[in-house]
Amino acid sequence: MSIRRIDVGPRMSQAVIHGNTVYLAGQVAKGDGVGAQTKAVLAQIDELLAKAGSDKTKILQAIIWLSDMGQFAEMNKEWDVWAPQGNTPARATGEAKLAAPEYLVEIIVTAAV
């Protein structure tokens, strides 16, 4: 089975396609507040899925990390606008110290191609 990598860097690829599954690296973005960051991350996810020949209706699982669970509702406002109703993925959300203090949200997605 072939493996295709998208936006390959020295440390990681932003997406890896194996068979009919695409795995995205954790997506983060800078911005003023968790809402703005979530909106930017979701746009990045749309772009990477398109490069992989997929889209958000084919997301199987999303794992969301917040630097502060107190921002859960604000993140969900953006998620709920973006998420394809009737095709929402399995999802988990937790709190974690992210890679840099300016990051408030990180989203990891696995999708079908």
PDB file of N, CA and C in Angstrom:
ATOM      1  N   MET A   1       0.844  -1.166   0.000  1.00  0.00           N
ATOM      2  CA  MET A   1       0.000   0.000   0.000  1.00  0.00           C
ATOM      3  C   MET A   1       0.897   1.240   0.000  1.00  0.00           C
ATOM      4  N   SER A   2       0.539   2.231  -0.781  1.00  0.00           N
ATOM      5  CA  SER A   2       1.373   3.419  -0.893  1.00  0.00           C
ATOM      6  C   SER A   2       1.145   4.380   0.271  1.00  0.00           C
ATOM      7  N   ILE A   3       2.163   5.193   0.491  1.00  0.00           N
ATOM      8  CA  ILE A   3       2.099   6.264   1.486  1.00  0.00           C
ATOM      9  C   ILE A   3       2.459   7.553   0.760  1.00  0.00           C
ATOM     10  N   ARG A   4       1.610   8.568   0.919  1.00  0.00           N
ATOM     11  CA  ARG A   4       1.879   9.882   0.318  1.00  0.00           C
ATOM     12  C   ARG A   4       1.895  10.911   1.432  1.00  0.00           C
ATOM     13  N   ARG A   5       2.889  11.794   1.377  1.00  0.00           N
ATOM     14  CA  ARG A   5       3.047  12.822   2.401  1.00  0.00           C
ATOM     15  C   ARG A   5       2.820  14.205   1.783  1.00  0.00           C
ATOM     16  N   ILE A   6       2.193  15.089   2.548  1.00  0.00           N
ATOM     17  CA  ILE A   6       1.876  16.441   2.082  1.00  0.00           C
ATOM     18  C   ILE A   6       2.542  17.447   3.005  1.00  0.00           C
ATOM     19  N   ASP A   7       3.136  18.478   2.396  1.00  0.00           N
ATOM     20  CA  ASP A   7       3.826  19.534   3.137  1.00  0.00           C
ATOM     21  C   ASP A   7       4.851  18.924   4.101  1.00  0.00           C
ATOM     22  N   VAL A   8       5.818  18.246   3.494  1.00  0.00           N
ATOM     23  CA  VAL A   8       6.852  17.542   4.248  1.00  0.00           C
ATOM     24  C   VAL A   8       7.878  18.543   4.766  1.00  0.00           C
ATOM     25  N   GLY A   9       8.190  18.450   6.036  1.00  0.00           N
ATOM     26  CA  GLY A   9       9.213  19.285   6.652  1.00  0.00           C
ATOM     27  C   GLY A   9      10.301  18.414   7.250  1.00  0.00           C
ATOM     28  N   PRO A  10      11.306  19.029   7.839  1.00  0.00           N
ATOM     29  CA  PRO A  10      12.412  18.258   8.407  1.00  0.00           C
ATOM     30  C   PRO A  10      12.016  17.449   9.641  1.00  0.00           C
ATOM     31  N   ARG A  11      10.962  17.874  10.337  1.00  0.00           N
ATOM     32  CA  ARG A  11      10.540  17.194  11.559  1.00  0.00           C
ATOM     33  C   ARG A  11       9.284  16.369  11.364  1.00  0.00           C
ATOM     34  N   MET A  12       8.388  16.850  10.482  1.00  0.00           N
ATOM     35  CA  MET A  12       7.106  16.159  10.305  1.00  0.00           C
ATOM     36  C   MET A  12       6.451  16.588   9.004  1.00  0.00           C
ATOM     37  N   SER A  13       5.475  15.796   8.584  1.00  0.00           N
ATOM     38  CA  SER A  13       4.622  16.138   7.454  1.00  0.00           C
ATOM     39  C   SER A  13       3.311  16.668   8.020  1.00  0.00           C
ATOM     40  N   GLN A  14       2.684  17.579   7.315  1.00  0.00           N
ATOM     41  CA  GLN A  14       1.410  18.116   7.778  1.00  0.00           C
ATOM     42  C   GLN A  14       0.274  17.116   7.570  1.00  0.00           C
ATOM     43  N   ALA A  15       0.440  16.227   6.582  1.00  0.00           N
ATOM     44  CA  ALA A  15      -0.562  15.190   6.341  1.00  0.00           C
ATOM     45  C   ALA A  15       0.127  13.971   5.757  1.00  0.00           C
ATOM     46  N   VAL A  16      -0.374  12.799   6.113  1.00  0.00           N
ATOM     47  CA  VAL A  16       0.112  11.538   5.565  1.00  0.00           C
ATOM     48  C   VAL A  16      -1.103  10.728   5.145  1.00  0.00           C
ATOM     49  N   ILE A  17      -1.062  10.252   3.894  1.00  0.00           N
ATOM     50  CA  ILE A  17      -2.149   9.433   3.367  1.00  0.00           C
ATOM     51  C   ILE A  17      -1.637   8.008   3.239  1.00  0.00           C
ATOM     52  N   HIS A  18      -2.343   7.085   3.858  1.00  0.00           N
ATOM     53  CA  HIS A  18      -2.030   5.663   3.766  1.00  0.00           C
ATOM     54  C   HIS A  18      -3.320   4.941   3.424  1.00  0.00           C
ATOM     55  N   GLY A  19      -3.329   4.303   2.272  1.00  0.00           N
ATOM     56  CA  GLY A  19      -4.563   3.672   1.824  1.00  0.00           C
ATOM     57  C   GLY A  19      -5.631   4.725   1.618  1.00  0.00           C
ATOM     58  N   ASN A  20      -6.769   4.535   2.256  1.00  0.00           N
ATOM     59  CA  ASN A  20      -7.879   5.480   2.129  1.00  0.00           C
ATOM     60  C   ASN A  20      -8.054   6.336   3.371  1.00  0.00           C
ATOM     61  N   THR A  21      -6.965   6.528   4.115  1.00  0.00           N
ATOM     62  CA  THR A  21      -7.032   7.313   5.343  1.00  0.00           C
ATOM     63  C   THR A  21      -5.984   8.414   5.309  1.00  0.00           C
ATOM     64  N   VAL A  22      -6.388   9.612   5.727  1.00  0.00           N
ATOM     65  CA  VAL A  22      -5.455  10.733   5.837  1.00  0.00           C
ATOM     66  C   VAL A  22      -5.343  11.115   7.309  1.00  0.00           C
ATOM     67  N   TYR A  23      -4.105  11.262   7.743  1.00  0.00           N
ATOM     68  CA  TYR A  23      -3.781  11.631   9.113  1.00  0.00           C
ATOM     69  C   TYR A  23      -3.165  13.030   9.081  1.00  0.00           C
ATOM     70  N   LEU A  24      -3.769  13.969   9.786  1.00  0.00           N
ATOM     71  CA  LEU A  24      -3.210  15.316   9.846  1.00  0.00           C
ATOM     72  C   LEU A  24      -2.382  15.482  11.107  1.00  0.00           C
ATOM     73  N   ALA A  25      -1.301  16.221  10.983  1.00  0.00           N
ATOM     74  CA  ALA A  25      -0.534  16.627  12.156  1.00  0.00           C
ATOM     75  C   ALA A  25      -1.394  17.571  12.975  1.00  0.00           C
ATOM     76  N   GLY A  26      -1.073  17.735  14.230  1.00  0.00           N
ATOM     77  CA  GLY A  26      -1.782  18.696  15.060  1.00  0.00           C
ATOM     78  C   GLY A  26      -1.661  20.083  14.453  1.00  0.00           C
ATOM     79  N   GLN A  27      -2.785  20.736  14.276  1.00  0.00           N
ATOM     80  CA  GLN A  27      -2.824  22.056  13.654  1.00  0.00           C
ATOM     81  C   GLN A  27      -2.999  23.133  14.713  1.00  0.00           C
ATOM     82  N   VAL A  28      -2.137  24.141  14.650  1.00  0.00           N
ATOM     83  CA  VAL A  28      -2.204  25.286  15.553  1.00  0.00           C
ATOM     84  C   VAL A  28      -2.137  26.556  14.716  1.00  0.00           C
ATOM     85  N   ALA A  29      -2.531  27.673  15.303  1.00  0.00           N
ATOM     86  CA  ALA A  29      -2.456  28.955  14.611  1.00  0.00           C
ATOM     87  C   ALA A  29      -2.326  30.052  15.663  1.00  0.00           C
ATOM     88  N   LYS A  30      -1.683  31.127  15.266  1.00  0.00           N
ATOM     89  CA  LYS A  30      -1.616  32.291  16.146  1.00  0.00           C
ATOM     90  C   LYS A  30      -2.861  33.130  15.918  1.00  0.00           C
ATOM     91  N   GLY A  31      -3.267  33.862  16.920  1.00  0.00           N
ATOM     92  CA  GLY A  31      -4.440  34.711  16.793  1.00  0.00           C
ATOM     93  C   GLY A  31      -4.838  35.239  18.149  1.00  0.00           C
ATOM     94  N   ASP A  32      -5.698  36.222  18.125  1.00  0.00           N
ATOM     95  CA  ASP A  32      -6.152  36.874  19.348  1.00  0.00           C
ATOM     96  C   ASP A  32      -7.330  36.110  19.939  1.00  0.00           C
ATOM     97  N   GLY A  33      -7.051  35.180  20.805  1.00  0.00           N
ATOM     98  CA  GLY A  33      -8.089  34.419  21.480  1.00  0.00           C
ATOM     99  C   GLY A  33      -8.318  33.055  20.875  1.00  0.00           C
ATOM    100  N   VAL A  34      -8.943  32.192  21.665  1.00  0.00           N
ATOM    101  CA  VAL A  34      -9.167  30.817  21.230  1.00  0.00           C
ATOM    102  C   VAL A  34     -10.155  30.744  20.075  1.00  0.00           C
ATOM    103  N   GLY A  35     -11.112  31.652  20.004  1.00  0.00           N
ATOM    104  CA  GLY A  35     -12.058  31.649  18.888  1.00  0.00           C
ATOM    105  C   GLY A  35     -11.359  31.912  17.566  1.00  0.00           C
ATOM    106  N   ALA A  36     -10.533  32.932  17.521  1.00  0.00           N
ATOM    107  CA  ALA A  36      -9.799  33.271  16.301  1.00  0.00           C
ATOM    108  C   ALA A  36      -8.833  32.155  15.921  1.00  0.00           C
ATOM    109  N   GLN A  37      -8.163  31.583  16.911  1.00  0.00           N
ATOM    110  CA  GLN A  37      -7.233  30.489  16.630  1.00  0.00           C
ATOM    111  C   GLN A  37      -7.980  29.262  16.111  1.00  0.00           C
ATOM    112  N   THR A  38      -9.114  28.938  16.713  1.00  0.00           N
ATOM    113  CA  THR A  38      -9.898  27.790  16.264  1.00  0.00           C
ATOM    114  C   THR A  38     -10.343  27.982  14.820  1.00  0.00           C
ATOM    115  N   LYS A  39     -10.844  29.163  14.501  1.00  0.00           N
ATOM    116  CA  LYS A  39     -11.289  29.455  13.134  1.00  0.00           C
ATOM    117  C   LYS A  39     -10.137  29.287  12.141  1.00  0.00           C
ATOM    118  N   ALA A  40      -8.946  29.763  12.487  1.00  0.00           N
ATOM    119  CA  ALA A  40      -7.779  29.638  11.614  1.00  0.00           C
ATOM    120  C   ALA A  40      -7.354  28.176  11.467  1.00  0.00           C
ATOM    121  N   VAL A  41      -7.372  27.430  12.559  1.00  0.00           N
ATOM    122  CA  VAL A  41      -6.999  26.012  12.517  1.00  0.00           C
ATOM    123  C   VAL A  41      -7.975  25.239  11.638  1.00  0.00           C
ATOM    124  N   LEU A  42      -9.253  25.502  11.766  1.00  0.00           N
ATOM    125  CA  LEU A  42     -10.249  24.801  10.956  1.00  0.00           C
ATOM    126  C   LEU A  42     -10.071  25.107   9.469  1.00  0.00           C
ATOM    127  N   ALA A  43      -9.678  26.325   9.138  1.00  0.00           N
ATOM    128  CA  ALA A  43      -9.385  26.672   7.741  1.00  0.00           C
ATOM    129  C   ALA A  43      -8.166  25.893   7.248  1.00  0.00           C
ATOM    130  N   GLN A  44      -7.155  25.732   8.098  1.00  0.00           N
ATOM    131  CA  GLN A  44      -5.975  24.941   7.738  1.00  0.00           C
ATOM    132  C   GLN A  44      -6.364  23.484   7.504  1.00  0.00           C
ATOM    133  N   ILE A  45      -7.239  22.969   8.342  1.00  0.00           N
ATOM    134  CA  ILE A  45      -7.704  21.595   8.179  1.00  0.00           C
ATOM    135  C   ILE A  45      -8.422  21.441   6.848  1.00  0.00           C
ATOM    136  N   ASP A  46      -9.303  22.377   6.506  1.00  0.00           N
ATOM    137  CA  ASP A  46      -9.991  22.340   5.207  1.00  0.00           C
ATOM    138  C   ASP A  46      -8.984  22.292   4.062  1.00  0.00           C
ATOM    139  N   GLU A  47      -7.957  23.123   4.148  1.00  0.00           N
ATOM    140  CA  GLU A  47      -6.948  23.205   3.089  1.00  0.00           C
ATOM    141  C   GLU A  47      -6.165  21.897   2.972  1.00  0.00           C
ATOM    142  N   LEU A  48      -5.729  21.340   4.089  1.00  0.00           N
ATOM    143  CA  LEU A  48      -4.966  20.087   4.053  1.00  0.00           C
ATOM    144  C   LEU A  48      -5.821  18.927   3.559  1.00  0.00           C
ATOM    145  N   LEU A  49      -7.062  18.855   4.001  1.00  0.00           N
ATOM    146  CA  LEU A  49      -7.946  17.788   3.530  1.00  0.00           C
ATOM    147  C   LEU A  49      -8.158  17.892   2.025  1.00  0.00           C
ATOM    148  N   ALA A  50      -8.311  19.106   1.505  1.00  0.00           N
ATOM    149  CA  ALA A  50      -8.471  19.297   0.061  1.00  0.00           C
ATOM    150  C   ALA A  50      -7.231  18.808  -0.684  1.00  0.00           C
ATOM    151  N   LYS A  51      -6.047  19.112  -0.171  1.00  0.00           N
ATOM    152  CA  LYS A  51      -4.802  18.640  -0.792  1.00  0.00           C
ATOM    153  C   LYS A  51      -4.735  17.116  -0.811  1.00  0.00           C
ATOM    154  N   ALA A  52      -5.363  16.492   0.178  1.00  0.00           N
ATOM    155  CA  ALA A  52      -5.357  15.037   0.290  1.00  0.00           C
ATOM    156  C   ALA A  52      -6.488  14.385  -0.504  1.00  0.00           C
ATOM    157  N   GLY A  53      -7.375  15.189  -1.085  1.00  0.00           N
ATOM    158  CA  GLY A  53      -8.505  14.650  -1.828  1.00  0.00           C
ATOM    159  C   GLY A  53      -9.678  14.281  -0.928  1.00  0.00           C
ATOM    160  N   SER A  54      -9.788  14.970   0.202  1.00  0.00           N
ATOM    161  CA  SER A  54     -10.852  14.704   1.162  1.00  0.00           C
ATOM    162  C   SER A  54     -11.518  16.021   1.543  1.00  0.00           C
ATOM    163  N   ASP A  55     -12.430  15.956   2.501  1.00  0.00           N
ATOM    164  CA  ASP A  55     -13.052  17.169   3.026  1.00  0.00           C
ATOM    165  C   ASP A  55     -13.618  16.883   4.411  1.00  0.00           C
ATOM    166  N   LYS A  56     -14.137  17.903   5.059  1.00  0.00           N
ATOM    167  CA  LYS A  56     -14.567  17.771   6.454  1.00  0.00           C
ATOM    168  C   LYS A  56     -15.736  16.816   6.645  1.00  0.00           C
ATOM    169  N   THR A  57     -16.487  16.497   5.594  1.00  0.00           N
ATOM    170  CA  THR A  57     -17.582  15.532   5.739  1.00  0.00           C
ATOM    171  C   THR A  57     -17.050  14.113   5.892  1.00  0.00           C
ATOM    172  N   LYS A  58     -15.759  13.920   5.640  1.00  0.00           N
ATOM    173  CA  LYS A  58     -15.146  12.590   5.720  1.00  0.00           C
ATOM    174  C   LYS A  58     -14.260  12.433   6.952  1.00  0.00           C
ATOM    175  N   ILE A  59     -14.296  13.410   7.857  1.00  0.00           N
ATOM    176  CA  ILE A  59     -13.493  13.296   9.079  1.00  0.00           C
ATOM    177  C   ILE A  59     -14.058  12.178   9.947  1.00  0.00           C
ATOM    178  N   LEU A  60     -13.176  11.286  10.355  1.00  0.00           N
ATOM    179  CA  LEU A  60     -13.556  10.154  11.195  1.00  0.00           C
ATOM    180  C   LEU A  60     -13.422  10.492  12.674  1.00  0.00           C
ATOM    181  N   GLN A  61     -12.332  11.194  12.998  1.00  0.00           N
ATOM    182  CA  GLN A  61     -12.044  11.501  14.399  1.00  0.00           C
ATOM    183  C   GLN A  61     -11.331  12.849  14.497  1.00  0.00           C
ATOM    184  N   ALA A  62     -11.664  13.598  15.533  1.00  0.00           N
ATOM    185  CA  ALA A  62     -10.969  14.848  15.848  1.00  0.00           C
ATOM    186  C   ALA A  62     -10.589  14.812  17.318  1.00  0.00           C
ATOM    187  N   ILE A  63      -9.352  15.160  17.583  1.00  0.00           N
ATOM    188  CA  ILE A  63      -8.872  15.297  18.953  1.00  0.00           C
ATOM    189  C   ILE A  63      -8.479  16.750  19.134  1.00  0.00           C
ATOM    190  N   ILE A  64      -9.070  17.393  20.125  1.00  0.00           N
ATOM    191  CA  ILE A  64      -8.848  18.815  20.357  1.00  0.00           C
ATOM    192  C   ILE A  64      -8.186  18.995  21.710  1.00  0.00           C
ATOM    193  N   TRP A  65      -7.095  19.736  21.702  1.00  0.00           N
ATOM    194  CA  TRP A  65      -6.405  20.097  22.949  1.00  0.00           C
ATOM    195  C   TRP A  65      -6.554  21.589  23.166  1.00  0.00           C
ATOM    196  N   LEU A  66      -6.983  21.961  24.346  1.00  0.00           N
ATOM    197  CA  LEU A  66      -7.078  23.358  24.755  1.00  0.00           C
ATOM    198  C   LEU A  66      -6.066  23.624  25.850  1.00  0.00           C
ATOM    199  N   SER A  67      -5.464  24.796  25.838  1.00  0.00           N
ATOM    200  CA  SER A  67      -4.526  25.150  26.913  1.00  0.00           C
ATOM    201  C   SER A  67      -5.284  25.425  28.212  1.00  0.00           C
ATOM    202  N   ASP A  68      -6.596  25.699  28.088  1.00  0.00           N
ATOM    203  CA  ASP A  68      -7.436  25.992  29.256  1.00  0.00           C
ATOM    204  C   ASP A  68      -8.860  25.539  28.950  1.00  0.00           C
ATOM    205  N   MET A  69      -9.357  24.542  29.681  1.00  0.00           N
ATOM    206  CA  MET A  69     -10.707  24.037  29.438  1.00  0.00           C
ATOM    207  C   MET A  69     -11.773  25.102  29.706  1.00  0.00           C
ATOM    208  N   GLY A  70     -11.398  26.174  30.375  1.00  0.00           N
ATOM    209  CA  GLY A  70     -12.317  27.288  30.567  1.00  0.00           C
ATOM    210  C   GLY A  70     -12.702  27.943  29.247  1.00  0.00           C
ATOM    211  N   GLN A  71     -11.968  27.643  28.167  1.00  0.00           N
ATOM    212  CA  GLN A  71     -12.242  28.205  26.844  1.00  0.00           C
ATOM    213  C   GLN A  71     -13.025  27.236  25.949  1.00  0.00           C
ATOM    214  N   PHE A  72     -13.530  26.167  26.549  1.00  0.00           N
ATOM    215  CA  PHE A  72     -14.253  25.128  25.805  1.00  0.00           C
ATOM    216  C   PHE A  72     -15.444  25.701  25.024  1.00  0.00           C
ATOM    217  N   ALA A  73     -16.271  26.511  25.661  1.00  0.00           N
ATOM    218  CA  ALA A  73     -17.456  27.073  25.000  1.00  0.00           C
ATOM    219  C   ALA A  73     -17.072  27.981  23.835  1.00  0.00           C
ATOM    220  N   GLU A  74     -16.034  28.788  24.019  1.00  0.00           N
ATOM    221  CA  GLU A  74     -15.599  29.700  22.950  1.00  0.00           C
ATOM    222  C   GLU A  74     -15.069  28.923  21.745  1.00  0.00           C
ATOM    223  N   MET A  75     -14.308  27.859  21.999  1.00  0.00           N
ATOM    224  CA  MET A  75     -13.825  27.013  20.913  1.00  0.00           C
ATOM    225  C   MET A  75     -15.005  26.353  20.205  1.00  0.00           C
ATOM    226  N   ASN A  76     -15.971  25.843  20.988  1.00  0.00           N
ATOM    227  CA  ASN A  76     -17.123  25.154  20.414  1.00  0.00           C
ATOM    228  C   ASN A  76     -17.973  26.062  19.539  1.00  0.00           C
ATOM    229  N   LYS A  77     -18.016  27.361  19.812  1.00  0.00           N
ATOM    230  CA  LYS A  77     -18.766  28.286  18.956  1.00  0.00           C
ATOM    231  C   LYS A  77     -18.260  28.219  17.519  1.00  0.00           C
ATOM    232  N   GLU A  78     -16.938  28.219  17.361  1.00  0.00           N
ATOM    233  CA  GLU A  78     -16.344  28.138  16.015  1.00  0.00           C
ATOM    234  C   GLU A  78     -16.520  26.735  15.434  1.00  0.00           C
ATOM    235  N   TRP A  79     -16.304  25.714  16.250  1.00  0.00           N
ATOM    236  CA  TRP A  79     -16.457  24.329  15.793  1.00  0.00           C
ATOM    237  C   TRP A  79     -17.874  24.093  15.276  1.00  0.00           C
ATOM    238  N   ASP A  80     -18.875  24.545  16.039  1.00  0.00           N
ATOM    239  CA  ASP A  80     -20.266  24.276  15.680  1.00  0.00           C
ATOM    240  C   ASP A  80     -20.673  24.942  14.369  1.00  0.00           C
ATOM    241  N   VAL A  81     -20.106  26.097  14.060  1.00  0.00           N
ATOM    242  CA  VAL A  81     -20.371  26.762  12.786  1.00  0.00           C
ATOM    243  C   VAL A  81     -19.734  25.979  11.640  1.00  0.00           C
ATOM    244  N   TRP A  82     -18.548  25.424  11.897  1.00  0.00           N
ATOM    245  CA  TRP A  82     -17.753  24.743  10.868  1.00  0.00           C
ATOM    246  C   TRP A  82     -18.145  23.288  10.656  1.00  0.00           C
ATOM    247  N   ALA A  83     -18.469  22.573  11.703  1.00  0.00           N
ATOM    248  CA  ALA A  83     -18.703  21.124  11.628  1.00  0.00           C
ATOM    249  C   ALA A  83     -19.891  20.806  10.724  1.00  0.00           C
ATOM    250  N   PRO A  84     -19.723  19.815   9.834  1.00  0.00           N
ATOM    251  CA  PRO A  84     -20.795  19.459   8.905  1.00  0.00           C
ATOM    252  C   PRO A  84     -21.903  18.664   9.608  1.00  0.00           C
ATOM    253  N   GLN A  85     -23.026  19.302   9.847  1.00  0.00           N
ATOM    254  CA  GLN A  85     -24.134  18.639  10.541  1.00  0.00           C
ATOM    255  C   GLN A  85     -24.551  17.384   9.775  1.00  0.00           C
ATOM    256  N   GLY A  86     -24.762  16.310  10.509  1.00  0.00           N
ATOM    257  CA  GLY A  86     -25.065  15.022   9.907  1.00  0.00           C
ATOM    258  C   GLY A  86     -23.834  14.220   9.579  1.00  0.00           C
ATOM    259  N   ASN A  87     -22.653  14.855   9.621  1.00  0.00           N
ATOM    260  CA  ASN A  87     -21.381  14.184   9.339  1.00  0.00           C
ATOM    261  C   ASN A  87     -20.335  14.536  10.395  1.00  0.00           C
ATOM    262  N   THR A  88     -20.773  14.809  11.614  1.00  0.00           N
ATOM    263  CA  THR A  88     -19.819  15.156  12.660  1.00  0.00           C
ATOM    264  C   THR A  88     -18.993  13.929  13.044  1.00  0.00           C
ATOM    265  N   PRO A  89     -17.701  14.138  13.320  1.00  0.00           N
ATOM    266  CA  PRO A  89     -16.821  13.013  13.637  1.00  0.00           C
ATOM    267  C   PRO A  89     -16.901  12.607  15.102  1.00  0.00           C
ATOM    268  N   ALA A  90     -16.312  11.472  15.402  1.00  0.00           N
ATOM    269  CA  ALA A  90     -16.039  11.140  16.796  1.00  0.00           C
ATOM    270  C   ALA A  90     -15.053  12.201  17.275  1.00  0.00           C
ATOM    271  N   ARG A  91     -15.212  12.667  18.524  1.00  0.00           N
ATOM    272  CA  ARG A  91     -14.388  13.788  18.975  1.00  0.00           C
ATOM    273  C   ARG A  91     -14.087  13.678  20.458  1.00  0.00           C
ATOM    274  N   ALA A  92     -12.891  14.104  20.811  1.00  0.00           N
ATOM    275  CA  ALA A  92     -12.505  14.211  22.215  1.00  0.00           C
ATOM    276  C   ALA A  92     -11.839  15.561  22.400  1.00  0.00           C
ATOM    277  N   THR A  93     -12.039  16.157  23.575  1.00  0.00           N
ATOM    278  CA  THR A  93     -11.404  17.431  23.901  1.00  0.00           C
ATOM    279  C   THR A  93     -10.793  17.314  25.283  1.00  0.00           C
ATOM    280  N   GLY A  94      -9.556  17.780  25.392  1.00  0.00           N
ATOM    281  CA  GLY A  94      -8.877  17.757  26.681  1.00  0.00           C
ATOM    282  C   GLY A  94      -8.032  18.996  26.862  1.00  0.00           C
ATOM    283  N   GLU A  95      -7.470  19.121  28.047  1.00  0.00           N
ATOM    284  CA  GLU A  95      -6.611  20.250  28.371  1.00  0.00           C
ATOM    285  C   GLU A  95      -5.165  19.772  28.405  1.00  0.00           C
ATOM    286  N   ALA A  96      -4.274  20.559  27.809  1.00  0.00           N
ATOM    287  CA  ALA A  96      -2.856  20.209  27.783  1.00  0.00           C
ATOM    288  C   ALA A  96      -2.014  21.466  27.636  1.00  0.00           C
ATOM    289  N   LYS A  97      -0.800  21.383  28.100  1.00  0.00           N
ATOM    290  CA  LYS A  97       0.171  22.436  27.847  1.00  0.00           C
ATOM    291  C   LYS A  97       0.632  22.253  26.403  1.00  0.00           C
ATOM    292  N   LEU A  98       0.397  23.241  25.559  1.00  0.00           N
ATOM    293  CA  LEU A  98       0.724  23.127  24.142  1.00  0.00           C
ATOM    294  C   LEU A  98       2.176  23.530  23.889  1.00  0.00           C
ATOM    295  N   ALA A  99       2.624  23.385  22.649  1.00  0.00           N
ATOM    296  CA  ALA A  99       4.033  23.543  22.294  1.00  0.00           C
ATOM    297  C   ALA A  99       4.607  24.922  22.596  1.00  0.00           C
ATOM    298  N   ALA A 100       3.783  25.954  22.541  1.00  0.00           N
ATOM    299  CA  ALA A 100       4.224  27.316  22.827  1.00  0.00           C
ATOM    300  C   ALA A 100       3.097  28.040  23.549  1.00  0.00           C
ATOM    301  N   PRO A 101       3.424  28.963  24.436  1.00  0.00           N
ATOM    302  CA  PRO A 101       2.375  29.624  25.228  1.00  0.00           C
ATOM    303  C   PRO A 101       1.350  30.410  24.418  1.00  0.00           C
ATOM    304  N   GLU A 102       1.701  30.845  23.207  1.00  0.00           N
ATOM    305  CA  GLU A 102       0.743  31.610  22.403  1.00  0.00           C
ATOM    306  C   GLU A 102      -0.336  30.719  21.770  1.00  0.00           C
ATOM    307  N   TYR A 103      -0.116  29.404  21.758  1.00  0.00           N
ATOM    308  CA  TYR A 103      -1.118  28.492  21.203  1.00  0.00           C
ATOM    309  C   TYR A 103      -2.155  28.155  22.267  1.00  0.00           C
ATOM    310  N   LEU A 104      -3.416  28.346  21.913  1.00  0.00           N
ATOM    311  CA  LEU A 104      -4.525  28.101  22.836  1.00  0.00           C
ATOM    312  C   LEU A 104      -5.315  26.856  22.463  1.00  0.00           C
ATOM    313  N   VAL A 105      -5.189  26.404  21.210  1.00  0.00           N
ATOM    314  CA  VAL A 105      -5.922  25.234  20.732  1.00  0.00           C
ATOM    315  C   VAL A 105      -5.086  24.487  19.694  1.00  0.00           C
ATOM    316  N   GLU A 106      -5.170  23.175  19.731  1.00  0.00           N
ATOM    317  CA  GLU A 106      -4.537  22.320  18.729  1.00  0.00           C
ATOM    318  C   GLU A 106      -5.553  21.253  18.355  1.00  0.00           C
ATOM    319  N   ILE A 107      -5.710  21.023  17.043  1.00  0.00           N
ATOM    320  CA  ILE A 107      -6.677  20.040  16.581  1.00  0.00           C
ATOM    321  C   ILE A 107      -5.973  19.019  15.683  1.00  0.00           C
ATOM    322  N   ILE A 108      -6.230  17.739  15.975  1.00  0.00           N
ATOM    323  CA  ILE A 108      -5.665  16.615  15.245  1.00  0.00           C
ATOM    324  C   ILE A 108      -6.824  15.885  14.582  1.00  0.00           C
ATOM    325  N   VAL A 109      -6.702  15.594  13.291  1.00  0.00           N
ATOM    326  CA  VAL A 109      -7.808  15.000  12.543  1.00  0.00           C
ATOM    327  C   VAL A 109      -7.338  13.767  11.776  1.00  0.00           C
ATOM    328  N   THR A 110      -8.211  12.765  11.746  1.00  0.00           N
ATOM    329  CA  THR A 110      -8.052  11.595  10.875  1.00  0.00           C
ATOM    330  C   THR A 110      -9.304  11.542  10.000  1.00  0.00           C
ATOM    331  N   ALA A 111      -9.108  11.350   8.698  1.00  0.00           N
ATOM    332  CA  ALA A 111     -10.249  11.368   7.774  1.00  0.00           C
ATOM    333  C   ALA A 111     -10.104  10.286   6.712  1.00  0.00           C
ATOM    334  N   ALA A 112     -11.219   9.944   6.115  1.00  0.00           N
ATOM    335  CA  ALA A 112     -11.221   9.051   4.954  1.00  0.00           C
ATOM    336  C   ALA A 112     -10.928   9.887   3.710  1.00  0.00           C
ATOM    337  N   VAL A 113     -10.377   9.216   2.718  1.00  0.00           N
ATOM    338  CA  VAL A 113     -10.088   9.885   1.440  1.00  0.00           C
ATOM    339  C   VAL A 113     -11.147   9.487   0.444  1.00  0.00           C
TER     340      VAL A 113
END
